[in-house]
């Protein structure tokens, strides 16, 4: 299974609803990812560019894309970005494969 980091921001309307009726959104996030055979590893709120971050594990890109499309299309968020993460082992494998690629910079 692959790991994914998402960054999200709520709309002002969503913050207003949560202020009036606070709720722990981790259970909802867990339900979404488990519906495609994945797992929620973490859910954090933050200051700054994004309101929150989640760390997910999903069987494949299509499964994670389905979750992202569903959440992003729900109207509660103003931003929702997903980044696939590589393990150290996957990165080492990619580095090994990169040795066989004869890349040539432009103009070289």
N, C-alpha and C. Protein backbone atom coordinates (compact mmCIF):
# COMPACT_ATOMS: atom_id res chain seq x y z
N UNK A 1 0.85 -1.18 0.00
CA UNK A 1 0.00 0.00 0.00
C UNK A 1 0.89 1.24 0.00
N UNK A 2 0.35 2.30 -0.53
CA UNK A 2 1.09 3.55 -0.65
C UNK A 2 0.63 4.57 0.38
N UNK A 3 1.51 5.52 0.70
CA UNK A 3 1.20 6.59 1.65
C UNK A 3 0.93 7.89 0.90
N UNK A 4 0.04 8.71 1.48
CA UNK A 4 -0.34 9.99 0.88
C UNK A 4 -0.47 11.03 1.98
N UNK A 5 0.06 12.21 1.70
CA UNK A 5 -0.09 13.36 2.59
C UNK A 5 -1.09 14.30 1.95
N UNK A 6 -2.12 14.71 2.68
CA UNK A 6 -3.02 15.72 2.16
C UNK A 6 -2.93 16.97 3.01
N UNK A 7 -3.10 18.09 2.33
CA UNK A 7 -3.15 19.40 2.96
C UNK A 7 -4.51 19.97 2.60
N UNK A 8 -5.21 20.52 3.59
CA UNK A 8 -6.54 21.04 3.30
C UNK A 8 -6.81 22.31 4.06
N UNK A 9 -7.75 23.08 3.54
CA UNK A 9 -8.24 24.27 4.23
C UNK A 9 -9.76 24.28 4.13
N UNK A 10 -10.40 24.62 5.23
CA UNK A 10 -11.86 24.74 5.26
C UNK A 10 -12.30 26.07 4.67
N UNK A 11 -13.53 26.10 4.18
CA UNK A 11 -14.13 27.37 3.77
C UNK A 11 -14.53 28.14 5.02
N UNK A 12 -14.75 29.45 4.91
CA UNK A 12 -15.23 30.21 6.08
C UNK A 12 -16.56 29.65 6.60
N UNK A 13 -17.41 29.19 5.71
CA UNK A 13 -18.71 28.62 6.13
C UNK A 13 -18.51 27.35 6.97
N UNK A 14 -17.53 26.54 6.58
CA UNK A 14 -17.25 25.32 7.35
C UNK A 14 -16.74 25.66 8.73
N UNK A 15 -15.82 26.64 8.82
CA UNK A 15 -15.34 27.07 10.14
C UNK A 15 -16.50 27.59 10.99
N UNK A 16 -17.41 28.30 10.39
CA UNK A 16 -18.57 28.81 11.13
C UNK A 16 -19.42 27.66 11.67
N UNK A 17 -19.66 26.66 10.83
CA UNK A 17 -20.44 25.49 11.29
C UNK A 17 -19.72 24.75 12.41
N UNK A 18 -18.39 24.57 12.26
CA UNK A 18 -17.62 23.87 13.30
C UNK A 18 -17.55 24.67 14.60
N UNK A 19 -17.55 25.99 14.50
CA UNK A 19 -17.56 26.83 15.70
C UNK A 19 -18.87 26.67 16.45
N UNK A 20 -19.97 26.61 15.72
CA UNK A 20 -21.29 26.45 16.35
C UNK A 20 -21.50 25.05 16.89
N UNK A 21 -20.94 24.07 16.18
CA UNK A 21 -21.11 22.67 16.59
C UNK A 21 -19.79 21.93 16.37
N UNK A 22 -18.84 22.06 17.32
CA UNK A 22 -17.53 21.41 17.16
C UNK A 22 -17.68 19.89 17.01
N UNK A 23 -16.87 19.33 16.13
CA UNK A 23 -16.85 17.88 15.97
C UNK A 23 -15.46 17.41 15.59
N UNK A 24 -15.15 16.21 15.98
CA UNK A 24 -13.88 15.57 15.66
C UNK A 24 -14.02 14.94 14.28
N UNK A 25 -13.32 15.48 13.29
CA UNK A 25 -13.45 15.02 11.90
C UNK A 25 -12.60 13.79 11.60
N UNK A 26 -11.83 13.31 12.58
CA UNK A 26 -11.02 12.11 12.35
C UNK A 26 -11.88 10.89 12.02
N UNK A 27 -13.00 10.73 12.70
CA UNK A 27 -13.86 9.56 12.44
C UNK A 27 -14.37 9.57 11.00
N UNK A 28 -14.77 10.74 10.51
CA UNK A 28 -15.24 10.84 9.13
C UNK A 28 -14.10 10.51 8.17
N UNK A 29 -12.92 11.07 8.40
CA UNK A 29 -11.78 10.81 7.52
C UNK A 29 -11.44 9.32 7.51
N UNK A 30 -11.49 8.70 8.68
CA UNK A 30 -11.20 7.26 8.79
C UNK A 30 -12.20 6.45 7.97
N UNK A 31 -13.47 6.82 8.04
CA UNK A 31 -14.51 6.12 7.29
C UNK A 31 -14.26 6.22 5.79
N UNK A 32 -13.88 7.41 5.31
CA UNK A 32 -13.66 7.61 3.88
C UNK A 32 -12.55 6.71 3.36
N UNK A 33 -11.40 6.69 4.04
CA UNK A 33 -10.27 5.92 3.54
C UNK A 33 -10.50 4.42 3.73
N UNK A 34 -11.17 4.03 4.81
CA UNK A 34 -11.44 2.60 5.02
C UNK A 34 -12.42 2.06 3.97
N UNK A 35 -13.24 2.93 3.39
CA UNK A 35 -14.20 2.49 2.38
C UNK A 35 -13.50 2.01 1.10
N UNK A 36 -12.23 2.39 0.91
CA UNK A 36 -11.47 1.93 -0.25
C UNK A 36 -10.35 0.97 0.16
N UNK A 37 -10.40 0.48 1.39
CA UNK A 37 -9.41 -0.49 1.86
C UNK A 37 -8.15 0.13 2.41
N UNK A 38 -8.21 1.42 2.78
CA UNK A 38 -7.03 2.11 3.30
C UNK A 38 -7.09 2.34 4.79
N UNK A 39 -6.17 3.18 5.26
CA UNK A 39 -6.05 3.45 6.70
C UNK A 39 -5.65 4.90 6.91
N UNK A 40 -6.23 5.52 7.93
CA UNK A 40 -5.84 6.87 8.35
C UNK A 40 -4.75 6.73 9.40
N UNK A 41 -3.58 7.33 9.15
CA UNK A 41 -2.47 7.26 10.10
C UNK A 41 -2.36 8.51 10.97
N UNK A 42 -2.95 9.62 10.54
CA UNK A 42 -2.87 10.83 11.34
C UNK A 42 -3.72 11.94 10.76
N UNK A 43 -4.14 12.83 11.65
CA UNK A 43 -4.99 13.98 11.28
C UNK A 43 -4.59 15.11 12.21
N UNK A 44 -4.11 16.22 11.63
CA UNK A 44 -3.64 17.35 12.43
C UNK A 44 -4.21 18.65 11.90
N UNK A 45 -4.44 19.59 12.81
CA UNK A 45 -4.77 20.97 12.43
C UNK A 45 -3.51 21.80 12.58
N UNK A 46 -3.46 22.93 11.85
CA UNK A 46 -2.24 23.72 11.84
C UNK A 46 -2.56 25.20 11.64
N UNK A 47 -1.57 26.05 11.87
CA UNK A 47 -1.65 27.46 11.50
C UNK A 47 -0.95 27.57 10.16
N UNK A 48 -1.23 28.61 9.42
CA UNK A 48 -0.45 28.87 8.22
C UNK A 48 -1.23 28.69 6.93
N UNK A 49 -0.55 28.24 5.91
CA UNK A 49 -1.11 28.14 4.57
C UNK A 49 -2.30 27.18 4.52
N UNK A 50 -2.24 26.10 5.28
CA UNK A 50 -3.30 25.09 5.30
C UNK A 50 -3.86 24.97 6.72
N UNK A 51 -5.13 24.60 6.79
CA UNK A 51 -5.77 24.41 8.09
C UNK A 51 -5.47 23.06 8.70
N UNK A 52 -5.16 22.08 7.85
CA UNK A 52 -4.91 20.76 8.39
C UNK A 52 -4.17 19.85 7.44
N UNK A 53 -3.73 18.73 8.00
CA UNK A 53 -2.96 17.73 7.27
C UNK A 53 -3.45 16.34 7.67
N UNK A 54 -3.44 15.43 6.72
CA UNK A 54 -3.75 14.04 7.02
C UNK A 54 -2.69 13.15 6.39
N UNK A 55 -2.44 12.02 7.03
CA UNK A 55 -1.55 11.00 6.49
C UNK A 55 -2.38 9.74 6.31
N UNK A 56 -2.47 9.31 5.06
CA UNK A 56 -3.30 8.15 4.70
C UNK A 56 -2.44 7.04 4.12
N UNK A 57 -2.99 5.85 4.13
CA UNK A 57 -2.42 4.73 3.40
C UNK A 57 -3.56 4.17 2.55
N UNK A 58 -3.31 3.97 1.26
CA UNK A 58 -4.34 3.47 0.36
C UNK A 58 -3.75 2.39 -0.53
N UNK A 59 -4.59 1.49 -1.03
CA UNK A 59 -4.09 0.39 -1.86
C UNK A 59 -3.41 0.86 -3.15
N UNK A 60 -3.85 1.99 -3.70
CA UNK A 60 -3.30 2.45 -4.98
C UNK A 60 -3.75 3.89 -5.24
N UNK A 61 -3.21 4.48 -6.30
CA UNK A 61 -3.53 5.86 -6.64
C UNK A 61 -5.00 6.07 -6.95
N UNK A 62 -5.63 5.11 -7.63
CA UNK A 62 -7.04 5.25 -8.00
C UNK A 62 -7.91 5.29 -6.74
N UNK A 63 -7.60 4.46 -5.77
CA UNK A 63 -8.37 4.46 -4.51
C UNK A 63 -8.23 5.79 -3.79
N UNK A 64 -7.00 6.30 -3.70
CA UNK A 64 -6.79 7.59 -3.03
C UNK A 64 -7.44 8.71 -3.82
N UNK A 65 -7.37 8.64 -5.15
CA UNK A 65 -8.02 9.66 -5.98
C UNK A 65 -9.52 9.68 -5.74
N UNK A 66 -10.13 8.51 -5.57
CA UNK A 66 -11.57 8.45 -5.30
C UNK A 66 -11.90 9.16 -4.00
N UNK A 67 -11.11 8.94 -2.97
CA UNK A 67 -11.32 9.61 -1.69
C UNK A 67 -11.13 11.12 -1.86
N UNK A 68 -10.06 11.52 -2.54
CA UNK A 68 -9.77 12.94 -2.74
C UNK A 68 -10.88 13.63 -3.53
N UNK A 69 -11.38 12.97 -4.56
CA UNK A 69 -12.46 13.55 -5.37
C UNK A 69 -13.72 13.71 -4.54
N UNK A 70 -14.03 12.70 -3.75
CA UNK A 70 -15.22 12.75 -2.90
C UNK A 70 -15.14 13.88 -1.88
N UNK A 71 -14.01 13.97 -1.19
CA UNK A 71 -13.84 15.02 -0.18
C UNK A 71 -13.78 16.39 -0.84
N UNK A 72 -12.97 16.51 -1.88
CA UNK A 72 -12.80 17.79 -2.55
C UNK A 72 -14.09 18.30 -3.18
N UNK A 73 -14.95 17.40 -3.61
CA UNK A 73 -16.21 17.79 -4.23
C UNK A 73 -17.33 18.04 -3.24
N UNK A 74 -17.06 17.85 -1.97
CA UNK A 74 -18.10 17.98 -0.95
C UNK A 74 -18.47 19.39 -0.58
N UNK A 75 -17.64 20.37 -0.96
CA UNK A 75 -17.96 21.76 -0.72
C UNK A 75 -17.52 22.35 0.61
N UNK A 76 -16.95 21.54 1.52
CA UNK A 76 -16.54 22.05 2.83
C UNK A 76 -15.13 22.62 2.82
N UNK A 77 -14.38 22.35 1.76
CA UNK A 77 -12.97 22.76 1.71
C UNK A 77 -12.74 23.80 0.63
N UNK A 78 -11.81 24.72 0.91
CA UNK A 78 -11.40 25.67 -0.11
C UNK A 78 -10.15 25.18 -0.83
N UNK A 79 -9.37 24.30 -0.18
CA UNK A 79 -8.17 23.71 -0.77
C UNK A 79 -8.07 22.26 -0.33
N UNK A 80 -7.63 21.40 -1.24
CA UNK A 80 -7.38 20.00 -0.91
C UNK A 80 -6.32 19.49 -1.87
N UNK A 81 -5.12 19.23 -1.37
CA UNK A 81 -4.01 18.77 -2.19
C UNK A 81 -3.46 17.47 -1.63
N UNK A 82 -3.17 16.53 -2.51
CA UNK A 82 -2.64 15.22 -2.11
C UNK A 82 -1.28 15.00 -2.73
N UNK A 83 -0.34 14.54 -1.92
CA UNK A 83 1.01 14.23 -2.38
C UNK A 83 1.30 12.76 -2.09
N UNK A 84 1.59 11.96 -3.14
CA UNK A 84 2.02 10.58 -2.89
C UNK A 84 3.39 10.60 -2.22
N UNK A 85 3.58 9.77 -1.22
CA UNK A 85 4.85 9.71 -0.50
C UNK A 85 5.58 8.41 -0.84
N UNK A 86 6.89 8.48 -0.91
CA UNK A 86 7.72 7.31 -1.15
C UNK A 86 8.43 6.92 0.14
N UNK A 87 8.52 5.62 0.38
CA UNK A 87 9.31 5.16 1.52
C UNK A 87 10.79 5.33 1.17
N UNK A 88 11.65 5.21 2.15
CA UNK A 88 13.08 5.27 1.91
C UNK A 88 13.48 4.15 0.95
N UNK A 89 12.91 2.96 1.16
CA UNK A 89 13.23 1.82 0.31
C UNK A 89 12.82 2.08 -1.14
N UNK A 90 11.65 2.67 -1.35
CA UNK A 90 11.21 2.99 -2.71
C UNK A 90 12.13 4.02 -3.34
N UNK A 91 12.56 5.00 -2.56
CA UNK A 91 13.47 6.02 -3.08
C UNK A 91 14.81 5.40 -3.44
N UNK A 92 15.32 4.50 -2.61
CA UNK A 92 16.58 3.82 -2.93
C UNK A 92 16.46 3.01 -4.21
N UNK A 93 15.32 2.36 -4.39
CA UNK A 93 15.08 1.60 -5.62
C UNK A 93 15.05 2.54 -6.83
N UNK A 94 14.39 3.69 -6.68
CA UNK A 94 14.34 4.67 -7.78
C UNK A 94 15.74 5.19 -8.09
N UNK A 95 16.54 5.43 -7.06
CA UNK A 95 17.92 5.89 -7.29
C UNK A 95 18.72 4.85 -8.06
N UNK A 96 18.51 3.59 -7.73
CA UNK A 96 19.19 2.51 -8.45
C UNK A 96 18.76 2.47 -9.91
N UNK A 97 17.49 2.61 -10.16
CA UNK A 97 16.99 2.62 -11.54
C UNK A 97 17.47 3.84 -12.31
N UNK A 98 17.62 4.96 -11.61
CA UNK A 98 18.06 6.20 -12.26
C UNK A 98 19.46 6.06 -12.85
N UNK A 99 20.27 5.18 -12.27
CA UNK A 99 21.63 4.98 -12.77
C UNK A 99 21.62 4.48 -14.22
N UNK A 100 20.57 3.78 -14.61
CA UNK A 100 20.49 3.20 -15.96
C UNK A 100 19.92 4.18 -16.99
N UNK A 101 19.51 5.35 -16.55
CA UNK A 101 18.92 6.33 -17.46
C UNK A 101 20.02 7.30 -17.89
N UNK A 102 20.19 7.43 -19.18
CA UNK A 102 21.25 8.30 -19.71
C UNK A 102 20.69 9.70 -19.96
N UNK A 103 20.40 10.41 -18.90
CA UNK A 103 19.85 11.76 -19.01
C UNK A 103 20.90 12.72 -19.54
N UNK A 104 20.45 13.61 -20.42
CA UNK A 104 21.34 14.64 -20.94
C UNK A 104 20.67 15.98 -20.75
N UNK A 105 21.28 16.93 -20.04
CA UNK A 105 20.67 18.24 -19.84
C UNK A 105 20.48 18.98 -21.17
N UNK A 106 19.51 19.88 -21.21
CA UNK A 106 19.31 20.65 -22.43
C UNK A 106 20.59 21.41 -22.82
N UNK A 107 20.90 21.43 -24.08
CA UNK A 107 22.06 22.15 -24.58
C UNK A 107 23.40 21.48 -24.33
N UNK A 108 23.39 20.28 -23.77
CA UNK A 108 24.65 19.59 -23.48
C UNK A 108 25.15 18.83 -24.67
